[in-house]
C-alpha atoms as a PDB file:
ATOM      1  CA  MET A   1     -13.035  14.290  -5.748  1.00  0.00           C
ATOM      2  CA  LEU A   2     -15.024  11.139  -6.021  1.00  0.00           C
ATOM      3  CA  ALA A   3     -16.338  12.089  -9.525  1.00  0.00           C
ATOM      4  CA  LYS A   4     -12.885  12.916 -10.690  1.00  0.00           C
ATOM      5  CA  ALA A   5     -11.186   9.785  -9.462  1.00  0.00           C
ATOM      6  CA  PRO A   6     -11.729   7.414 -12.389  1.00  0.00           C
ATOM      7  CA  SER A   7      -9.948   9.882 -14.720  1.00  0.00           C
ATOM      8  CA  LEU A   8      -6.778  10.399 -12.682  1.00  0.00           C
ATOM      9  CA  GLY A   9      -4.971   7.195 -13.690  1.00  0.00           C
ATOM     10  CA  ALA A  10      -4.199   5.880 -10.174  1.00  0.00           C
ATOM     11  CA  ASP A  11      -3.961   2.169  -9.724  1.00  0.00           C
ATOM     12  CA  GLU A  12      -6.131   2.250  -6.593  1.00  0.00           C
ATOM     13  CA  ALA A  13      -8.533   4.811  -5.190  1.00  0.00           C
ATOM     14  CA  ILE A  14      -9.254   4.822  -1.532  1.00  0.00           C
ATOM     15  CA  VAL A  15     -12.397   6.371  -0.267  1.00  0.00           C
ATOM     16  CA  ASP A  16     -11.559   7.538   3.394  1.00  0.00           C
ATOM     17  CA  LEU A  17     -13.911   7.280   6.261  1.00  0.00           C
ATOM     18  CA  GLU A  18     -11.180   7.703   8.960  1.00  0.00           C
ATOM     19  CA  ASP A  19      -8.708  10.523   9.396  1.00  0.00           C
ATOM     20  CA  GLY A  20     -10.031  12.538   6.461  1.00  0.00           C
ATOM     21  CA  VAL A  21     -13.445  12.852   7.936  1.00  0.00           C
ATOM     22  CA  ALA A  22     -14.433  14.933  10.983  1.00  0.00           C
ATOM     23  CA  PRO A  23     -16.467  13.094  13.700  1.00  0.00           C
ATOM     24  CA  GLU A  24     -19.713  14.896  13.070  1.00  0.00           C
ATOM     25  CA  ASP A  25     -19.431  13.928   9.318  1.00  0.00           C
ATOM     26  CA  LYS A  26     -18.848  10.146   9.617  1.00  0.00           C
ATOM     27  CA  ASP A  27     -22.461   9.093   8.970  1.00  0.00           C
ATOM     28  CA  ALA A  28     -22.708  11.371   5.785  1.00  0.00           C
ATOM     29  CA  ALA A  29     -19.341  10.326   4.570  1.00  0.00           C
ATOM     30  CA  ARG A  30     -20.204   6.580   4.859  1.00  0.00           C
ATOM     31  CA  ALA A  31     -23.391   7.029   3.000  1.00  0.00           C
ATOM     32  CA  GLN A  32     -21.648   8.918   0.225  1.00  0.00           C
ATOM     33  CA  ALA A  33     -18.905   6.288  -0.051  1.00  0.00           C
ATOM     34  CA  VAL A  34     -21.393   3.573  -0.512  1.00  0.00           C
ATOM     35  CA  ALA A  35     -23.140   5.523  -3.118  1.00  0.00           C
ATOM     36  CA  ALA A  36     -20.053   6.450  -5.015  1.00  0.00           C
ATOM     37  CA  VAL A  37     -18.572   2.820  -4.916  1.00  0.00           C
ATOM     38  CA  ARG A  38     -21.798   1.119  -6.048  1.00  0.00           C
ATOM     39  CA  LYS A  39     -21.860   3.429  -9.199  1.00  0.00           C
ATOM     40  CA  GLY A  40     -18.763   1.796 -10.470  1.00  0.00           C
ATOM     41  CA  PRO A  41     -15.031   1.484  -9.973  1.00  0.00           C
ATOM     42  CA  LEU A  42     -13.179   4.763  -9.142  1.00  0.00           C
ATOM     43  CA  ALA A  43      -9.862   3.009 -10.316  1.00  0.00           C
ATOM     44  CA  PRO A  44      -8.725  -0.427 -11.347  1.00  0.00           C
ATOM     45  CA  THR A  45      -8.913  -1.154  -7.582  1.00  0.00           C
ATOM     46  CA  THR A  46     -11.343   0.618  -5.446  1.00  0.00           C
ATOM     47  CA  ALA A  47     -11.004   0.540  -1.731  1.00  0.00           C
ATOM     48  CA  ILE A  48     -12.701   2.012   1.365  1.00  0.00           C
ATOM     49  CA  ARG A  49     -10.791   2.849   4.477  1.00  0.00           C
ATOM     50  CA  VAL A  50     -12.834   2.343   7.588  1.00  0.00           C
ATOM     51  CA  ASN A  51     -12.526   3.610  11.129  1.00  0.00           C
ATOM     52  CA  ALA A  52     -10.435   1.589  13.614  1.00  0.00           C
ATOM     53  CA  ARG A  53     -11.775  -1.131  15.679  1.00  0.00           C
ATOM     54  CA  GLY A  54     -12.881   0.149  19.016  1.00  0.00           C
ATOM     55  CA  THR A  55     -14.350   3.250  17.606  1.00  0.00           C
ATOM     56  CA  GLU A  56     -18.107   3.902  17.578  1.00  0.00           C
ATOM     57  CA  TRP A  57     -18.067   3.819  13.731  1.00  0.00           C
ATOM     58  CA  TRP A  58     -16.189   0.522  13.056  1.00  0.00           C
ATOM     59  CA  GLU A  59     -19.008  -1.921  12.833  1.00  0.00           C
ATOM     60  CA  ASP A  60     -21.274   0.474  10.719  1.00  0.00           C
ATOM     61  CA  ASP A  61     -18.382   1.090   8.394  1.00  0.00           C
ATOM     62  CA  LEU A  62     -17.705  -2.564   7.874  1.00  0.00           C
ATOM     63  CA  ARG A  63     -21.475  -3.140   7.267  1.00  0.00           C
ATOM     64  CA  ALA A  64     -21.443  -0.314   4.682  1.00  0.00           C
ATOM     65  CA  VAL A  65     -18.407  -2.015   3.115  1.00  0.00           C
ATOM     66  CA  ALA A  66     -20.233  -5.300   2.833  1.00  0.00           C
ATOM     67  CA  GLU A  67     -23.103  -3.435   1.081  1.00  0.00           C
ATOM     68  CA  ALA A  68     -21.009  -1.348  -1.361  1.00  0.00           C
ATOM     69  CA  LYS A  69     -18.642  -4.262  -2.193  1.00  0.00           C
ATOM     70  CA  PRO A  70     -15.327  -2.455  -2.985  1.00  0.00           C
ATOM     71  CA  ASP A  71     -12.351  -4.483  -4.174  1.00  0.00           C
ATOM     72  CA  VAL A  72     -10.567  -3.822  -0.871  1.00  0.00           C
ATOM     73  CA  VAL A  73     -11.126  -2.564   2.742  1.00  0.00           C
ATOM     74  CA  VAL A  74      -8.218  -0.729   4.357  1.00  0.00           C
ATOM     75  CA  LEU A  75      -8.023  -1.358   8.072  1.00  0.00           C
ATOM     76  CA  PRO A  76      -6.289   1.454  10.112  1.00  0.00           C
ATOM     77  CA  LYS A  77      -4.594   1.493  13.490  1.00  0.00           C
ATOM     78  CA  VAL A  78      -4.562  -2.331  13.842  1.00  0.00           C
ATOM     79  CA  GLU A  79      -3.148  -3.466  17.084  1.00  0.00           C
ATOM     80  CA  SER A  80      -3.250  -7.199  16.880  1.00  0.00           C
ATOM     81  CA  PRO A  81      -4.181 -10.087  14.553  1.00  0.00           C
ATOM     82  CA  GLU A  82      -7.421 -10.410  16.314  1.00  0.00           C
ATOM     83  CA  ASP A  83      -8.339  -6.882  15.019  1.00  0.00           C
ATOM     84  CA  VAL A  84      -7.863  -8.188  11.503  1.00  0.00           C
ATOM     85  CA  ALA A  85      -9.801 -11.416  12.113  1.00  0.00           C
ATOM     86  CA  ALA A  86     -12.722  -9.513  13.585  1.00  0.00           C
ATOM     87  CA  ALA A  87     -12.979  -7.342  10.643  1.00  0.00           C
ATOM     88  CA  ALA A  88     -12.843 -10.211   8.214  1.00  0.00           C
ATOM     89  CA  GLU A  89     -15.684 -12.099  10.079  1.00  0.00           C
ATOM     90  CA  LEU A  90     -17.979  -9.007   9.099  1.00  0.00           C
ATOM     91  CA  LEU A  91     -17.025  -8.991   5.396  1.00  0.00           C
ATOM     92  CA  PRO A  92     -18.338 -11.144   2.623  1.00  0.00           C
ATOM     93  CA  ASP A  93     -16.109 -13.276   0.428  1.00  0.00           C
ATOM     94  CA  GLY A  94     -14.509 -11.387  -2.429  1.00  0.00           C
ATOM     95  CA  ILE A  95     -13.390  -8.205  -0.575  1.00  0.00           C
ATOM     96  CA  GLY A  96      -9.641  -7.943  -0.055  1.00  0.00           C
ATOM     97  CA  ILE A  97      -7.956  -6.550   2.980  1.00  0.00           C
ATOM     98  CA  GLU A  98      -5.056  -4.103   3.394  1.00  0.00           C
ATOM     99  CA  VAL A  99      -3.763  -3.590   6.802  1.00  0.00           C
ATOM    100  CA  LEU A 100      -2.170  -0.392   7.916  1.00  0.00           C
ATOM    101  CA  ILE A 101       0.905  -0.867  10.207  1.00  0.00           C
ATOM    102  CA  GLU A 102       0.852   2.484  12.055  1.00  0.00           C
ATOM    103  CA  THR A 103       0.867   1.612  15.782  1.00  0.00           C
ATOM    104  CA  ALA A 104       3.886   0.421  17.921  1.00  0.00           C
ATOM    105  CA  GLN A 105       2.054  -2.844  18.751  1.00  0.00           C
ATOM    106  CA  ALA A 106       1.317  -3.495  15.092  1.00  0.00           C
ATOM    107  CA  PHE A 107       4.753  -2.854  14.119  1.00  0.00           C
ATOM    108  CA  ALA A 108       6.155  -5.291  16.769  1.00  0.00           C
ATOM    109  CA  ASP A 109       3.529  -8.002  15.619  1.00  0.00           C
ATOM    110  CA  ALA A 110       3.642  -7.407  11.847  1.00  0.00           C
ATOM    111  CA  GLU A 111       4.568 -10.951  11.029  1.00  0.00           C
ATOM    112  CA  ARG A 112       1.458 -12.428  12.796  1.00  0.00           C
ATOM    113  CA  ILE A 113      -0.837  -9.650  11.676  1.00  0.00           C
ATOM    114  CA  ALA A 114       0.180 -10.475   7.956  1.00  0.00           C
ATOM    115  CA  THR A 115      -1.262 -13.791   8.245  1.00  0.00           C
ATOM    116  CA  ALA A 116      -4.269 -13.076  10.541  1.00  0.00           C
ATOM    117  CA  ALA A 117      -7.064 -13.834   8.074  1.00  0.00           C
ATOM    118  CA  PRO A 118      -7.735 -15.018   4.651  1.00  0.00           C
ATOM    119  CA  GLY A 119      -8.066 -12.336   2.006  1.00  0.00           C
ATOM    120  CA  ILE A 120      -5.200 -10.020   3.327  1.00  0.00           C
ATOM    121  CA  GLU A 121      -3.429  -8.639   0.240  1.00  0.00           C
ATOM    122  CA  ALA A 122      -1.008  -5.996   1.418  1.00  0.00           C
ATOM    123  CA  LEU A 123       0.670  -4.393   4.424  1.00  0.00           C
ATOM    124  CA  LEU A 124       0.682  -0.537   4.328  1.00  0.00           C
ATOM    125  CA  LEU A 125       3.096   1.773   6.064  1.00  0.00           C
ATOM    126  CA  GLY A 126       1.246   4.508   7.978  1.00  0.00           C
ATOM    127  CA  PRO A 127       4.134   6.819   8.555  1.00  0.00           C
ATOM    128  CA  GLY A 128       2.440   9.624  10.492  1.00  0.00           C
ATOM    129  CA  ASP A 129       0.794   7.648  13.090  1.00  0.00           C
ATOM    130  CA  LEU A 130       3.688   5.246  13.316  1.00  0.00           C
ATOM    131  CA  ALA A 131       6.169   8.109  13.904  1.00  0.00           C
ATOM    132  CA  SER A 132       3.895   9.443  16.499  1.00  0.00           C
ATOM    133  CA  ALA A 133       3.487   5.950  18.285  1.00  0.00           C
ATOM    134  CA  LEU A 134       7.304   5.633  18.212  1.00  0.00           C
ATOM    135  CA  GLY A 135       7.996   9.101  19.567  1.00  0.00           C
ATOM    136  CA  ILE A 136       9.778  10.341  16.505  1.00  0.00           C
ATOM    137  CA  PRO A 137       9.998  14.158  16.747  1.00  0.00           C
ATOM    138  CA  VAL A 138       8.742  15.160  13.348  1.00  0.00           C
ATOM    139  CA  LEU A 139       5.699  17.312  12.424  1.00  0.00           C
ATOM    140  CA  THR A 140       5.235  16.206   8.769  1.00  0.00           C
ATOM    141  CA  ILE A 141       3.800  12.881   7.555  1.00  0.00           C
ATOM    142  CA  GLY A 142       6.415  10.813   5.906  1.00  0.00           C
ATOM    143  CA  ASP A 143       9.362  12.342   7.849  1.00  0.00           C
ATOM    144  CA  GLY A 144      11.294  10.266  10.373  1.00  0.00           C
ATOM    145  CA  THR A 145      10.732   6.918   8.575  1.00  0.00           C
ATOM    146  CA  SER A 146      13.844   4.802   9.188  1.00  0.00           C
ATOM    147  CA  ASP A 147      15.350   2.040   7.034  1.00  0.00           C
ATOM    148  CA  TYR A 148      14.403  -0.304   9.903  1.00  0.00           C
ATOM    149  CA  VAL A 149      10.854   0.590   9.711  1.00  0.00           C
ATOM    150  CA  LEU A 150      10.704   0.283   5.768  1.00  0.00           C
ATOM    151  CA  GLY A 151      12.607  -3.099   5.889  1.00  0.00           C
ATOM    152  CA  ARG A 152      10.646  -4.644   8.857  1.00  0.00           C
ATOM    153  CA  ILE A 153       7.308  -4.046   7.113  1.00  0.00           C
ATOM    154  CA  VAL A 154       8.337  -5.078   3.634  1.00  0.00           C
ATOM    155  CA  THR A 155       9.948  -8.314   5.064  1.00  0.00           C
ATOM    156  CA  ALA A 156       6.801  -9.150   7.046  1.00  0.00           C
ATOM    157  CA  ALA A 157       4.727  -8.681   3.894  1.00  0.00           C
ATOM    158  CA  ARG A 158       6.985 -10.763   1.621  1.00  0.00           C
ATOM    159  CA  ALA A 159       7.190 -13.630   4.112  1.00  0.00           C
ATOM    160  CA  ALA A 160       3.360 -13.760   3.984  1.00  0.00           C
ATOM    161  CA  GLY A 161       3.157 -13.473   0.199  1.00  0.00           C
ATOM    162  CA  LEU A 162       1.687  -9.902   0.450  1.00  0.00           C
ATOM    163  CA  GLN A 163       2.361  -6.675  -1.263  1.00  0.00           C
ATOM    164  CA  ALA A 164       4.034  -3.783   0.646  1.00  0.00           C
ATOM    165  CA  ILE A 165       2.867  -0.243   0.009  1.00  0.00           C
ATOM    166  CA  ASP A 166       4.629   2.897   1.436  1.00  0.00           C
ATOM    167  CA  GLY A 167       2.588   5.802   2.904  1.00  0.00           C
ATOM    168  CA  PRO A 168       2.342   9.266   1.389  1.00  0.00           C
ATOM    169  CA  HIS A 169       4.707  12.188   1.023  1.00  0.00           C
ATOM    170  CA  ALA A 170       2.793  15.035   2.619  1.00  0.00           C
ATOM    171  CA  ARG A 171       4.706  17.975   1.109  1.00  0.00           C
ATOM    172  CA  LEU A 172       2.584  19.035  -1.804  1.00  0.00           C
ATOM    173  CA  GLY A 173       4.766  20.727  -4.554  1.00  0.00           C
ATOM    174  CA  ASP A 174       7.926  19.112  -3.354  1.00  0.00           C
ATOM    175  CA  ASP A 175       8.506  17.153  -6.430  1.00  0.00           C
ATOM    176  CA  LEU A 176      12.196  16.341  -5.535  1.00  0.00           C
ATOM    177  CA  GLY A 177      11.208  15.143  -2.115  1.00  0.00           C
ATOM    178  CA  LEU A 178       8.326  12.883  -3.475  1.00  0.00           C
ATOM    179  CA  VAL A 179      10.787  11.352  -6.050  1.00  0.00           C
ATOM    180  CA  LEU A 180      13.481  10.587  -3.579  1.00  0.00           C
ATOM    181  CA  SER A 181      10.860   9.150  -1.032  1.00  0.00           C
ATOM    182  CA  THR A 182       9.349   7.051  -3.838  1.00  0.00           C
ATOM    183  CA  ARG A 183      12.861   5.894  -4.919  1.00  0.00           C
ATOM    184  CA  ARG A 184      13.703   5.012  -1.211  1.00  0.00           C
ATOM    185  CA  ALA A 185      10.511   2.820  -1.020  1.00  0.00           C
ATOM    186  CA  LEU A 186      11.381   1.011  -4.420  1.00  0.00           C
ATOM    187  CA  GLU A 187      14.842   0.359  -3.253  1.00  0.00           C
ATOM    188  CA  HIS A 188      13.437  -1.367  -0.074  1.00  0.00           C
ATOM    189  CA  GLY A 189      11.199  -3.506  -2.247  1.00  0.00           C
ATOM    190  CA  TYR A 190       7.903  -1.932  -2.115  1.00  0.00           C
ATOM    191  CA  ASP A 191       5.352  -2.362  -4.755  1.00  0.00           C
ATOM    192  CA  GLY A 192       3.835   1.142  -4.565  1.00  0.00           C
ATOM    193  CA  LYS A 193       3.224   4.383  -2.690  1.00  0.00           C
ATOM    194  CA  TRP A 194       0.109   6.202  -1.463  1.00  0.00           C
ATOM    195  CA  VAL A 195      -0.457   9.620  -3.025  1.00  0.00           C
ATOM    196  CA  ILE A 196      -2.651  12.406  -1.535  1.00  0.00           C
ATOM    197  CA  HIS A 197      -2.985  14.752  -4.631  1.00  0.00           C
ATOM    198  CA  PRO A 198      -3.314  14.017  -8.284  1.00  0.00           C
ATOM    199  CA  SER A 199      -0.046  15.809  -9.213  1.00  0.00           C
ATOM    200  CA  GLN A 200       1.809  13.126  -7.330  1.00  0.00           C
ATOM    201  CA  ILE A 201       0.430  10.238  -9.377  1.00  0.00           C
ATOM    202  CA  GLU A 202       2.714  10.452 -12.544  1.00  0.00           C
ATOM    203  CA  PRO A 203       5.945  10.957 -10.552  1.00  0.00           C
ATOM    204  CA  VAL A 204       5.224   7.898  -8.401  1.00  0.00           C
ATOM    205  CA  HIS A 205       4.340   5.845 -11.486  1.00  0.00           C
ATOM    206  CA  LEU A 206       7.465   6.797 -13.226  1.00  0.00           C
ATOM    207  CA  VAL A 207       9.723   5.677 -10.378  1.00  0.00           C
ATOM    208  CA  PHE A 208       8.023   2.407  -9.991  1.00  0.00           C
ATOM    209  CA  THR A 209       7.974   1.569 -13.687  1.00  0.00           C
ATOM    210  CA  PRO A 210      11.173  -0.077 -14.959  1.00  0.00           C
ATOM    211  CA  SER A 211      12.798   1.865 -17.942  1.00  0.00           C
ATOM    212  CA  PRO A 212      13.007   0.267 -21.413  1.00  0.00           C
ATOM    213  CA  ALA A 213      16.790  -0.110 -20.754  1.00  0.00           C
ATOM    214  CA  GLU A 214      16.230  -1.972 -17.435  1.00  0.00           C
ATOM    215  CA  LEU A 215      13.738  -4.281 -19.171  1.00  0.00           C
ATOM    216  CA  GLU A 216      16.107  -4.919 -21.934  1.00  0.00           C
ATOM    217  CA  ARG A 217      18.988  -5.675 -19.701  1.00  0.00           C
ATOM    218  CA  ALA A 218      16.758  -7.949 -17.398  1.00  0.00           C
ATOM    219  CA  GLU A 219      15.628  -9.983 -20.407  1.00  0.00           C
ATOM    220  CA  ARG A 220      19.319 -10.484 -21.526  1.00  0.00           C
ATOM    221  CA  ILE A 221      20.281 -11.602 -18.041  1.00  0.00           C
ATOM    222  CA  LEU A 222      17.308 -13.884 -17.893  1.00  0.00           C
ATOM    223  CA  ALA A 223      18.447 -15.576 -21.243  1.00  0.00           C
ATOM    224  CA  SER A 224      21.966 -16.208 -19.846  1.00  0.00           C
ATOM    225  CA  ARG A 225      23.000 -19.607 -18.468  1.00  0.00           C
ATOM    226  CA  GLY A 226      25.370 -20.452 -15.757  1.00  0.00           C
ATOM    227  CA  ALA A 227      27.873 -18.068 -13.933  1.00  0.00           C
ATOM    228  CA  LEU A 228      29.489 -15.687 -16.394  1.00  0.00           C
ATOM    229  CA  ARG A 229      30.805 -12.112 -16.871  1.00  0.00           C
ATOM    230  CA  PHE A 230      28.164  -9.772 -18.090  1.00  0.00           C
ATOM    231  CA  GLU A 231      28.850  -6.068 -18.770  1.00  0.00           C
ATOM    232  CA  GLY A 232      31.502  -6.093 -16.226  1.00  0.00           C
ATOM    233  CA  GLU A 233      29.465  -7.888 -13.513  1.00  0.00           C
ATOM    234  CA  LEU A 234      29.148 -11.492 -12.310  1.00  0.00           C
ATOM    235  CA  VAL A 235      25.768 -12.952 -13.306  1.00  0.00           C
ATOM    236  CA  ASP A 236      24.537 -16.167 -12.013  1.00  0.00           C
ATOM    237  CA  GLU A 237      21.181 -17.732 -10.820  1.00  0.00           C
ATOM    238  CA  ALA A 238      20.666 -14.900  -8.140  1.00  0.00           C
ATOM    239  CA  SER A 239      21.004 -12.340 -10.919  1.00  0.00           C
ATOM    240  CA  ARG A 240      18.461 -14.153 -12.991  1.00  0.00           C
ATOM    241  CA  ARG A 241      16.022 -14.168 -10.010  1.00  0.00           C
ATOM    242  CA  LEU A 242      16.672 -10.344  -9.750  1.00  0.00           C
ATOM    243  CA  ALA A 243      15.781 -10.015 -13.485  1.00  0.00           C
ATOM    244  CA  GLU A 244      12.617 -11.973 -12.993  1.00  0.00           C
ATOM    245  CA  THR A 245      11.578  -9.797 -10.080  1.00  0.00           C
ATOM    246  CA  LEU A 246      11.997  -6.673 -12.390  1.00  0.00           C
ATOM    247  CA  LEU A 247      10.196  -8.191 -15.161  1.00  0.00           C
ATOM    248  CA  ARG A 248       7.414  -9.421 -13.030  1.00  0.00           C
ATOM    249  CA  ARG A 249       6.957  -5.861 -11.665  1.00  0.00           C
ATOM    250  CA  ALA A 250       6.552  -4.612 -15.344  1.00  0.00           C
ATOM    251  CA  GLY A 251       4.014  -7.311 -16.115  1.00  0.00           C
ATOM    252  CA  ARG A 252       6.327  -9.150 -18.368  1.00  0.00           C
ATOM    253  CA  LEU A 253       6.193 -12.344 -16.394  1.00  0.00           C
ATOM    254  CA  ALA A 254       3.383 -13.997 -14.563  1.00  0.00           C
END
């Protein structure tokens, strides 16, 4: 999987040391992660997800991250701003931080967690663990995520100037469900979505990439002045800010 990652076209590849690794394999996985990341980038952004603070592996994982120097470290099961700050103290400058919001306490304190340390780049929705923590009676990761959960996390991220990333759709082969889940995240303002299989990359990219027609319309709206009728709609300064947001997502604006 590590050898294949650079060819898959994902925006970010995350080497997992946490839920995807059995306890007896943690040390071997850590060594393999360091070796893989030091060979070169696995994607435009390469990340390592460490084990949670309070586990026996947390400090060794962060020391390994400091050695491997990926672009980003992913912090799971954060409970407080102090958890983020403690991890940041063990990392050298230049390694970004992405924080998984997947416990009830983290969800309740998302705004303070978003500003807990320099270098935080994104808040990530961990739908499986968060559903469990909130007592939502589902058995599939990604089910049971409410509009309130999606909105609260993206609002905390935006208020702190961070990206917001949705969690995975766990039903492999469910193309329609994946597209609907991705569209829902986009409509709540998320910047991207985790995938767990190469087959999910292209559908997620397609949903998050503005179409040529959307780009052309956004550029015409941005070129307009004042409040006016435009293709049967009111267009004013708020409309131009919406156009700027879409063009910025597509890389057409800085």
